[in-house]
Amino acid sequence: MKLNALEKKKDSWKIEVQGESHTLVNALREKSWEKGAQQASYAIDHPYLSQPVITVRAENPKKVLSDSAQAVADDAKDFQKELARASKK
């Protein structure tokens, strides 16, 4: 994965996420709303020819995106623990 900052303003960031699909950027978008974003969206212009771009507008978009990434990682860890527990039954 590689990130390209397309636009970094005081209250808005637009980041291209190379090598990812709807899965990651949609989870980040959802968590960004939970972390206080005033706007969080993503777009993939063409499924084969373009990369996803996530846009977050917030008082501190860097913190919102960072907190969102951590929340997605925490959810994945929780899923892994529950999967291990469920597979022992």
PDB file of N, CA and C in Angstrom:
ATOM      1  N   MET A   1       0.848  -1.172   0.000  1.00  0.00           N
ATOM      2  CA  MET A   1       0.000   0.000   0.000  1.00  0.00           C
ATOM      3  C   MET A   1       0.897   1.240   0.000  1.00  0.00           C
ATOM      4  N   LYS A   2       0.494   2.204  -0.772  1.00  0.00           N
ATOM      5  CA  LYS A   2       1.198   3.486  -0.824  1.00  0.00           C
ATOM      6  C   LYS A   2       0.152   4.590  -0.786  1.00  0.00           C
ATOM      7  N   LEU A   3       0.429   5.635  -0.024  1.00  0.00           N
ATOM      8  CA  LEU A   3      -0.484   6.777   0.079  1.00  0.00           C
ATOM      9  C   LEU A   3       0.097   7.968  -0.665  1.00  0.00           C
ATOM     10  N   ASN A   4      -0.760   8.656  -1.398  1.00  0.00           N
ATOM     11  CA  ASN A   4      -0.390   9.905  -2.054  1.00  0.00           C
ATOM     12  C   ASN A   4      -1.332  10.990  -1.560  1.00  0.00           C
ATOM     13  N   ALA A   5      -0.771  12.014  -0.942  1.00  0.00           N
ATOM     14  CA  ALA A   5      -1.587  13.137  -0.492  1.00  0.00           C
ATOM     15  C   ALA A   5      -1.905  14.006  -1.705  1.00  0.00           C
ATOM     16  N   LEU A   6      -3.157  13.999  -2.104  1.00  0.00           N
ATOM     17  CA  LEU A   6      -3.577  14.802  -3.248  1.00  0.00           C
ATOM     18  C   LEU A   6      -3.904  16.223  -2.833  1.00  0.00           C
ATOM     19  N   GLU A   7      -4.385  16.364  -1.595  1.00  0.00           N
ATOM     20  CA  GLU A   7      -4.766  17.684  -1.084  1.00  0.00           C
ATOM     21  C   GLU A   7      -4.703  17.652   0.435  1.00  0.00           C
ATOM     22  N   LYS A   8      -3.937  18.559   1.002  1.00  0.00           N
ATOM     23  CA  LYS A   8      -3.852  18.663   2.464  1.00  0.00           C
ATOM     24  C   LYS A   8      -4.114  20.116   2.860  1.00  0.00           C
ATOM     25  N   LYS A   9      -5.313  20.349   3.340  1.00  0.00           N
ATOM     26  CA  LYS A   9      -5.679  21.666   3.850  1.00  0.00           C
ATOM     27  C   LYS A   9      -5.828  21.552   5.363  1.00  0.00           C
ATOM     28  N   LYS A  10      -5.982  22.676   6.015  1.00  0.00           N
ATOM     29  CA  LYS A  10      -6.106  22.681   7.473  1.00  0.00           C
ATOM     30  C   LYS A  10      -7.269  21.808   7.938  1.00  0.00           C
ATOM     31  N   ASP A  11      -8.383  21.851   7.219  1.00  0.00           N
ATOM     32  CA  ASP A  11      -9.569  21.124   7.674  1.00  0.00           C
ATOM     33  C   ASP A  11     -10.036  20.044   6.696  1.00  0.00           C
ATOM     34  N   SER A  12      -9.196  19.684   5.710  1.00  0.00           N
ATOM     35  CA  SER A  12      -9.619  18.691   4.726  1.00  0.00           C
ATOM     36  C   SER A  12      -8.404  18.004   4.115  1.00  0.00           C
ATOM     37  N   TRP A  13      -8.472  16.691   4.047  1.00  0.00           N
ATOM     38  CA  TRP A  13      -7.417  15.909   3.385  1.00  0.00           C
ATOM     39  C   TRP A  13      -8.052  15.020   2.333  1.00  0.00           C
ATOM     40  N   LYS A  14      -7.349  14.880   1.215  1.00  0.00           N
ATOM     41  CA  LYS A  14      -7.752  13.960   0.150  1.00  0.00           C
ATOM     42  C   LYS A  14      -6.542  13.072  -0.124  1.00  0.00           C
ATOM     43  N   ILE A  15      -6.695  11.769   0.123  1.00  0.00           N
ATOM     44  CA  ILE A  15      -5.590  10.822   0.052  1.00  0.00           C
ATOM     45  C   ILE A  15      -5.905   9.704  -0.937  1.00  0.00           C
ATOM     46  N   GLU A  16      -4.989   9.459  -1.859  1.00  0.00           N
ATOM     47  CA  GLU A  16      -5.100   8.324  -2.765  1.00  0.00           C
ATOM     48  C   GLU A  16      -4.448   7.121  -2.083  1.00  0.00           C
ATOM     49  N   VAL A  17      -5.162   5.993  -2.063  1.00  0.00           N
ATOM     50  CA  VAL A  17      -4.684   4.783  -1.401  1.00  0.00           C
ATOM     51  C   VAL A  17      -4.395   3.747  -2.484  1.00  0.00           C
ATOM     52  N   GLN A  18      -3.145   3.659  -2.884  1.00  0.00           N
ATOM     53  CA  GLN A  18      -2.775   2.758  -3.976  1.00  0.00           C
ATOM     54  C   GLN A  18      -2.738   1.313  -3.490  1.00  0.00           C
ATOM     55  N   GLY A  19      -3.229   0.431  -4.341  1.00  0.00           N
ATOM     56  CA  GLY A  19      -3.165  -0.990  -4.054  1.00  0.00           C
ATOM     57  C   GLY A  19      -4.267  -1.515  -3.150  1.00  0.00           C
ATOM     58  N   GLU A  20      -5.283  -0.714  -2.893  1.00  0.00           N
ATOM     59  CA  GLU A  20      -6.398  -1.144  -2.044  1.00  0.00           C
ATOM     60  C   GLU A  20      -7.699  -1.077  -2.835  1.00  0.00           C
ATOM     61  N   SER A  21      -8.737  -1.601  -2.227  1.00  0.00           N
ATOM     62  CA  SER A  21     -10.042  -1.629  -2.880  1.00  0.00           C
ATOM     63  C   SER A  21     -11.069  -0.974  -1.958  1.00  0.00           C
ATOM     64  N   HIS A  22     -12.328  -1.212  -2.264  1.00  0.00           N
ATOM     65  CA  HIS A  22     -13.414  -0.661  -1.461  1.00  0.00           C
ATOM     66  C   HIS A  22     -13.300  -1.063   0.012  1.00  0.00           C
ATOM     67  N   THR A  23     -12.802  -2.252   0.277  1.00  0.00           N
ATOM     68  CA  THR A  23     -12.817  -2.810   1.623  1.00  0.00           C
ATOM     69  C   THR A  23     -12.165  -1.881   2.641  1.00  0.00           C
ATOM     70  N   LEU A  24     -10.933  -1.497   2.417  1.00  0.00           N
ATOM     71  CA  LEU A  24     -10.229  -0.669   3.390  1.00  0.00           C
ATOM     72  C   LEU A  24     -10.766   0.755   3.433  1.00  0.00           C
ATOM     73  N   VAL A  25     -10.940   1.382   2.280  1.00  0.00           N
ATOM     74  CA  VAL A  25     -11.354   2.790   2.297  1.00  0.00           C
ATOM     75  C   VAL A  25     -12.781   2.953   2.819  1.00  0.00           C
ATOM     76  N   ASN A  26     -13.640   1.966   2.589  1.00  0.00           N
ATOM     77  CA  ASN A  26     -14.991   2.043   3.134  1.00  0.00           C
ATOM     78  C   ASN A  26     -14.958   1.923   4.660  1.00  0.00           C
ATOM     79  N   ALA A  27     -14.117   1.033   5.182  1.00  0.00           N
ATOM     80  CA  ALA A  27     -13.977   0.911   6.642  1.00  0.00           C
ATOM     81  C   ALA A  27     -13.409   2.210   7.225  1.00  0.00           C
ATOM     82  N   LEU A  28     -12.422   2.801   6.577  1.00  0.00           N
ATOM     83  CA  LEU A  28     -11.863   4.070   7.053  1.00  0.00           C
ATOM     84  C   LEU A  28     -12.900   5.188   7.010  1.00  0.00           C
ATOM     85  N   ARG A  29     -13.694   5.200   5.947  1.00  0.00           N
ATOM     86  CA  ARG A  29     -14.752   6.215   5.831  1.00  0.00           C
ATOM     87  C   ARG A  29     -15.733   6.086   6.989  1.00  0.00           C
ATOM     88  N   GLU A  30     -16.175   4.871   7.259  1.00  0.00           N
ATOM     89  CA  GLU A  30     -17.136   4.646   8.340  1.00  0.00           C
ATOM     90  C   GLU A  30     -16.559   5.047   9.699  1.00  0.00           C
ATOM     91  N   LYS A  31     -15.331   4.631   9.966  1.00  0.00           N
ATOM     92  CA  LYS A  31     -14.698   4.970  11.251  1.00  0.00           C
ATOM     93  C   LYS A  31     -14.437   6.469  11.360  1.00  0.00           C
ATOM     94  N   SER A  32     -14.158   7.133  10.238  1.00  0.00           N
ATOM     95  CA  SER A  32     -13.927   8.589  10.265  1.00  0.00           C
ATOM     96  C   SER A  32     -15.160   9.327  10.762  1.00  0.00           C
ATOM     97  N   TRP A  33     -16.342   8.871  10.328  1.00  0.00           N
ATOM     98  CA  TRP A  33     -17.580   9.476  10.834  1.00  0.00           C
ATOM     99  C   TRP A  33     -17.658   9.299  12.351  1.00  0.00           C
ATOM    100  N   GLU A  34     -17.335   8.100  12.824  1.00  0.00           N
ATOM    101  CA  GLU A  34     -17.394   7.817  14.263  1.00  0.00           C
ATOM    102  C   GLU A  34     -16.374   8.640  15.047  1.00  0.00           C
ATOM    103  N   LYS A  35     -15.272   9.000  14.411  1.00  0.00           N
ATOM    104  CA  LYS A  35     -14.203   9.747  15.079  1.00  0.00           C
ATOM    105  C   LYS A  35     -14.359  11.256  14.945  1.00  0.00           C
ATOM    106  N   GLY A  36     -15.491  11.702  14.423  1.00  0.00           N
ATOM    107  CA  GLY A  36     -15.782  13.133  14.439  1.00  0.00           C
ATOM    108  C   GLY A  36     -15.608  13.878  13.135  1.00  0.00           C
ATOM    109  N   ALA A  37     -15.491  13.173  12.034  1.00  0.00           N
ATOM    110  CA  ALA A  37     -15.377  13.859  10.746  1.00  0.00           C
ATOM    111  C   ALA A  37     -16.675  14.596  10.426  1.00  0.00           C
ATOM    112  N   GLN A  38     -16.547  15.756   9.815  1.00  0.00           N
ATOM    113  CA  GLN A  38     -17.713  16.501   9.353  1.00  0.00           C
ATOM    114  C   GLN A  38     -18.150  15.972   7.989  1.00  0.00           C
ATOM    115  N   GLN A  39     -17.188  15.399   7.255  1.00  0.00           N
ATOM    116  CA  GLN A  39     -17.458  14.751   5.982  1.00  0.00           C
ATOM    117  C   GLN A  39     -16.419  13.662   5.798  1.00  0.00           C
ATOM    118  N   ALA A  40     -16.858  12.507   5.347  1.00  0.00           N
ATOM    119  CA  ALA A  40     -15.945  11.411   5.031  1.00  0.00           C
ATOM    120  C   ALA A  40     -16.539  10.642   3.861  1.00  0.00           C
ATOM    121  N   SER A  41     -15.770  10.539   2.796  1.00  0.00           N
ATOM    122  CA  SER A  41     -16.258   9.844   1.611  1.00  0.00           C
ATOM    123  C   SER A  41     -15.071   9.268   0.854  1.00  0.00           C
ATOM    124  N   TYR A  42     -15.379   8.389  -0.079  1.00  0.00           N
ATOM    125  CA  TYR A  42     -14.331   7.898  -0.958  1.00  0.00           C
ATOM    126  C   TYR A  42     -14.913   7.679  -2.345  1.00  0.00           C
ATOM    127  N   ALA A  43     -14.004   7.629  -3.305  1.00  0.00           N
ATOM    128  CA  ALA A  43     -14.417   7.393  -4.688  1.00  0.00           C
ATOM    129  C   ALA A  43     -13.358   6.562  -5.394  1.00  0.00           C
ATOM    130  N   ILE A  44     -13.844   5.716  -6.293  1.00  0.00           N
ATOM    131  CA  ILE A  44     -12.961   4.998  -7.208  1.00  0.00           C
ATOM    132  C   ILE A  44     -13.535   5.286  -8.593  1.00  0.00           C
ATOM    133  N   ASP A  45     -12.842   6.132  -9.350  1.00  0.00           N
ATOM    134  CA  ASP A  45     -13.369   6.574 -10.638  1.00  0.00           C
ATOM    135  C   ASP A  45     -13.580   5.421 -11.612  1.00  0.00           C
ATOM    136  N   HIS A  46     -12.636   4.518 -11.686  1.00  0.00           N
ATOM    137  CA  HIS A  46     -12.757   3.357 -12.583  1.00  0.00           C
ATOM    138  C   HIS A  46     -12.185   2.150 -11.848  1.00  0.00           C
ATOM    139  N   PRO A  47     -12.914   1.048 -11.791  1.00  0.00           N
ATOM    140  CA  PRO A  47     -12.474  -0.083 -10.979  1.00  0.00           C
ATOM    141  C   PRO A  47     -11.151  -0.711 -11.420  1.00  0.00           C
ATOM    142  N   TYR A  48     -10.769  -0.550 -12.667  1.00  0.00           N
ATOM    143  CA  TYR A  48      -9.523  -1.149 -13.150  1.00  0.00           C
ATOM    144  C   TYR A  48      -8.415  -0.143 -13.413  1.00  0.00           C
ATOM    145  N   LEU A  49      -8.775   1.116 -13.582  1.00  0.00           N
ATOM    146  CA  LEU A  49      -7.787   2.096 -14.016  1.00  0.00           C
ATOM    147  C   LEU A  49      -7.435   3.161 -12.984  1.00  0.00           C
ATOM    148  N   SER A  50      -8.147   3.209 -11.870  1.00  0.00           N
ATOM    149  CA  SER A  50      -7.861   4.249 -10.881  1.00  0.00           C
ATOM    150  C   SER A  50      -7.774   3.654  -9.480  1.00  0.00           C
ATOM    151  N   GLN A  51      -7.236   4.432  -8.602  1.00  0.00           N
ATOM    152  CA  GLN A  51      -7.049   4.032  -7.205  1.00  0.00           C
ATOM    153  C   GLN A  51      -8.106   4.729  -6.344  1.00  0.00           C
ATOM    154  N   PRO A  52      -8.451   4.131  -5.188  1.00  0.00           N
ATOM    155  CA  PRO A  52      -9.416   4.783  -4.311  1.00  0.00           C
ATOM    156  C   PRO A  52      -8.842   6.078  -3.726  1.00  0.00           C
ATOM    157  N   VAL A  53      -9.726   7.050  -3.588  1.00  0.00           N
ATOM    158  CA  VAL A  53      -9.359   8.335  -2.981  1.00  0.00           C
ATOM    159  C   VAL A  53     -10.336   8.584  -1.840  1.00  0.00           C
ATOM    160  N   ILE A  54      -9.794   8.766  -0.635  1.00  0.00           N
ATOM    161  CA  ILE A  54     -10.634   9.066   0.524  1.00  0.00           C
ATOM    162  C   ILE A  54     -10.488  10.544   0.857  1.00  0.00           C
ATOM    163  N   THR A  55     -11.606  11.170   1.152  1.00  0.00           N
ATOM    164  CA  THR A  55     -11.644  12.580   1.521  1.00  0.00           C
ATOM    165  C   THR A  55     -12.242  12.696   2.908  1.00  0.00           C
ATOM    166  N   VAL A  56     -11.535  13.403   3.783  1.00  0.00           N
ATOM    167  CA  VAL A  56     -12.017  13.620   5.150  1.00  0.00           C
ATOM    168  C   VAL A  56     -11.945  15.103   5.454  1.00  0.00           C
ATOM    169  N   ARG A  57     -13.069  15.645   5.893  1.00  0.00           N
ATOM    170  CA  ARG A  57     -13.125  17.029   6.347  1.00  0.00           C
ATOM    171  C   ARG A  57     -13.412  16.997   7.835  1.00  0.00           C
ATOM    172  N   ALA A  58     -12.530  17.623   8.611  1.00  0.00           N
ATOM    173  CA  ALA A  58     -12.653  17.632  10.066  1.00  0.00           C
ATOM    174  C   ALA A  58     -11.789  18.755  10.615  1.00  0.00           C
ATOM    175  N   GLU A  59     -11.966  19.031  11.881  1.00  0.00           N
ATOM    176  CA  GLU A  59     -11.133  20.037  12.528  1.00  0.00           C
ATOM    177  C   GLU A  59      -9.660  19.642  12.431  1.00  0.00           C
ATOM    178  N   ASN A  60      -9.385  18.345  12.596  1.00  0.00           N
ATOM    179  CA  ASN A  60      -8.030  17.815  12.477  1.00  0.00           C
ATOM    180  C   ASN A  60      -8.096  16.524  11.650  1.00  0.00           C
ATOM    181  N   PRO A  61      -8.064  16.630  10.323  1.00  0.00           N
ATOM    182  CA  PRO A  61      -8.238  15.446   9.485  1.00  0.00           C
ATOM    183  C   PRO A  61      -7.146  14.395   9.675  1.00  0.00           C
ATOM    184  N   LYS A  62      -5.925  14.815   9.985  1.00  0.00           N
ATOM    185  CA  LYS A  62      -4.847  13.848  10.219  1.00  0.00           C
ATOM    186  C   LYS A  62      -5.178  12.970  11.416  1.00  0.00           C
ATOM    187  N   LYS A  63      -5.643  13.564  12.507  1.00  0.00           N
ATOM    188  CA  LYS A  63      -5.993  12.806  13.708  1.00  0.00           C
ATOM    189  C   LYS A  63      -7.180  11.888  13.442  1.00  0.00           C
ATOM    190  N   VAL A  64      -8.173  12.383  12.726  1.00  0.00           N
ATOM    191  CA  VAL A  64      -9.347  11.565  12.412  1.00  0.00           C
ATOM    192  C   VAL A  64      -8.929  10.336  11.599  1.00  0.00           C
ATOM    193  N   LEU A  65      -8.108  10.529  10.577  1.00  0.00           N
ATOM    194  CA  LEU A  65      -7.662   9.394   9.768  1.00  0.00           C
ATOM    195  C   LEU A  65      -6.788   8.438  10.565  1.00  0.00           C
ATOM    196  N   SER A  66      -5.916   8.964  11.388  1.00  0.00           N
ATOM    197  CA  SER A  66      -5.058   8.115  12.218  1.00  0.00           C
ATOM    198  C   SER A  66      -5.883   7.304  13.209  1.00  0.00           C
ATOM    199  N   ASP A  67      -6.813   7.956  13.889  1.00  0.00           N
ATOM    200  CA  ASP A  67      -7.688   7.265  14.836  1.00  0.00           C
ATOM    201  C   ASP A  67      -8.566   6.229  14.127  1.00  0.00           C
ATOM    202  N   SER A  68      -9.001   6.551  12.930  1.00  0.00           N
ATOM    203  CA  SER A  68      -9.829   5.630  12.149  1.00  0.00           C
ATOM    204  C   SER A  68      -9.034   4.389  11.750  1.00  0.00           C
ATOM    205  N   ALA A  69      -7.803   4.591  11.330  1.00  0.00           N
ATOM    206  CA  ALA A  69      -6.946   3.455  10.961  1.00  0.00           C
ATOM    207  C   ALA A  69      -6.718   2.549  12.170  1.00  0.00           C
ATOM    208  N   GLN A  70      -6.511   3.143  13.329  1.00  0.00           N
ATOM    209  CA  GLN A  70      -6.322   2.348  14.547  1.00  0.00           C
ATOM    210  C   GLN A  70      -7.591   1.580  14.899  1.00  0.00           C
ATOM    211  N   ALA A  71      -8.733   2.200  14.731  1.00  0.00           N
ATOM    212  CA  ALA A  71     -10.005   1.536  15.026  1.00  0.00           C
ATOM    213  C   ALA A  71     -10.243   0.353  14.083  1.00  0.00           C
ATOM    214  N   VAL A  72      -9.893   0.504  12.809  1.00  0.00           N
ATOM    215  CA  VAL A  72     -10.032  -0.603  11.856  1.00  0.00           C
ATOM    216  C   VAL A  72      -9.105  -1.750  12.256  1.00  0.00           C
ATOM    217  N   ALA A  73      -7.883  -1.419  12.646  1.00  0.00           N
ATOM    218  CA  ALA A  73      -6.928  -2.447  13.080  1.00  0.00           C
ATOM    219  C   ALA A  73      -7.429  -3.157  14.335  1.00  0.00           C
ATOM    220  N   ASP A  74      -7.989  -2.400  15.270  1.00  0.00           N
ATOM    221  CA  ASP A  74      -8.530  -2.991  16.500  1.00  0.00           C
ATOM    222  C   ASP A  74      -9.691  -3.932  16.186  1.00  0.00           C
ATOM    223  N   ASP A  75     -10.569  -3.535  15.269  1.00  0.00           N
ATOM    224  CA  ASP A  75     -11.683  -4.395  14.861  1.00  0.00           C
ATOM    225  C   ASP A  75     -11.171  -5.702  14.255  1.00  0.00           C
ATOM    226  N   ALA A  76     -10.120  -5.610  13.451  1.00  0.00           N
ATOM    227  CA  ALA A  76      -9.556  -6.814  12.829  1.00  0.00           C
ATOM    228  C   ALA A  76      -8.969  -7.743  13.891  1.00  0.00           C
ATOM    229  N   LYS A  77      -8.315  -7.176  14.902  1.00  0.00           N
ATOM    230  CA  LYS A  77      -7.765  -7.989  15.995  1.00  0.00           C
ATOM    231  C   LYS A  77      -8.882  -8.657  16.785  1.00  0.00           C
ATOM    232  N   ASP A  78      -9.950  -7.910  17.059  1.00  0.00           N
ATOM    233  CA  ASP A  78     -11.097  -8.486  17.769  1.00  0.00           C
ATOM    234  C   ASP A  78     -11.714  -9.626  16.972  1.00  0.00           C
ATOM    235  N   PHE A  79     -11.830  -9.452  15.668  1.00  0.00           N
ATOM    236  CA  PHE A  79     -12.378 -10.501  14.817  1.00  0.00           C
ATOM    237  C   PHE A  79     -11.503 -11.752  14.876  1.00  0.00           C
ATOM    238  N   GLN A  80     -10.202 -11.543  14.822  1.00  0.00           N
ATOM    239  CA  GLN A  80      -9.263 -12.664  14.863  1.00  0.00           C
ATOM    240  C   GLN A  80      -9.395 -13.437  16.178  1.00  0.00           C
ATOM    241  N   LYS A  81      -9.518 -12.732  17.293  1.00  0.00           N
ATOM    242  CA  LYS A  81      -9.689 -13.387  18.597  1.00  0.00           C
ATOM    243  C   LYS A  81     -10.988 -14.176  18.653  1.00  0.00           C
ATOM    244  N   GLU A  82     -12.071 -13.573  18.164  1.00  0.00           N
ATOM    245  CA  GLU A  82     -13.371 -14.250  18.185  1.00  0.00           C
ATOM    246  C   GLU A  82     -13.385 -15.462  17.257  1.00  0.00           C
ATOM    247  N   LEU A  83     -12.696 -15.343  16.133  1.00  0.00           N
ATOM    248  CA  LEU A  83     -12.605 -16.465  15.214  1.00  0.00           C
ATOM    249  C   LEU A  83     -11.867 -17.632  15.874  1.00  0.00           C
ATOM    250  N   ALA A  84     -10.779 -17.346  16.562  1.00  0.00           N
ATOM    251  CA  ALA A  84     -10.026 -18.388  17.255  1.00  0.00           C
ATOM    252  C   ALA A  84     -10.894 -19.044  18.335  1.00  0.00           C
ATOM    253  N   ARG A  85     -11.645 -18.224  19.077  1.00  0.00           N
ATOM    254  CA  ARG A  85     -12.518 -18.746  20.121  1.00  0.00           C
ATOM    255  C   ARG A  85     -13.615 -19.611  19.521  1.00  0.00           C
ATOM    256  N   ALA A  86     -14.226 -19.136  18.449  1.00  0.00           N
ATOM    257  CA  ALA A  86     -15.328 -19.864  17.818  1.00  0.00           C
ATOM    258  C   ALA A  86     -14.857 -21.175  17.187  1.00  0.00           C
ATOM    259  N   SER A  87     -13.639 -21.196  16.712  1.00  0.00           N
ATOM    260  CA  SER A  87     -13.150 -22.403  16.047  1.00  0.00           C
ATOM    261  C   SER A  87     -12.807 -23.509  17.046  1.00  0.00           C
ATOM    262  N   LYS A  88     -12.712 -23.181  18.330  1.00  0.00           N
ATOM    263  CA  LYS A  88     -12.424 -24.172  19.368  1.00  0.00           C
ATOM    264  C   LYS A  88     -13.671 -24.902  19.822  1.00  0.00           C
ATOM    265  N   LYS A  89     -14.826 -24.422  19.453  1.00  0.00           N
ATOM    266  CA  LYS A  89     -16.076 -25.053  19.879  1.00  0.00           C
ATOM    267  C   LYS A  89     -16.355 -26.318  19.128  1.00  0.00           C
TER     268      LYS A  89
END
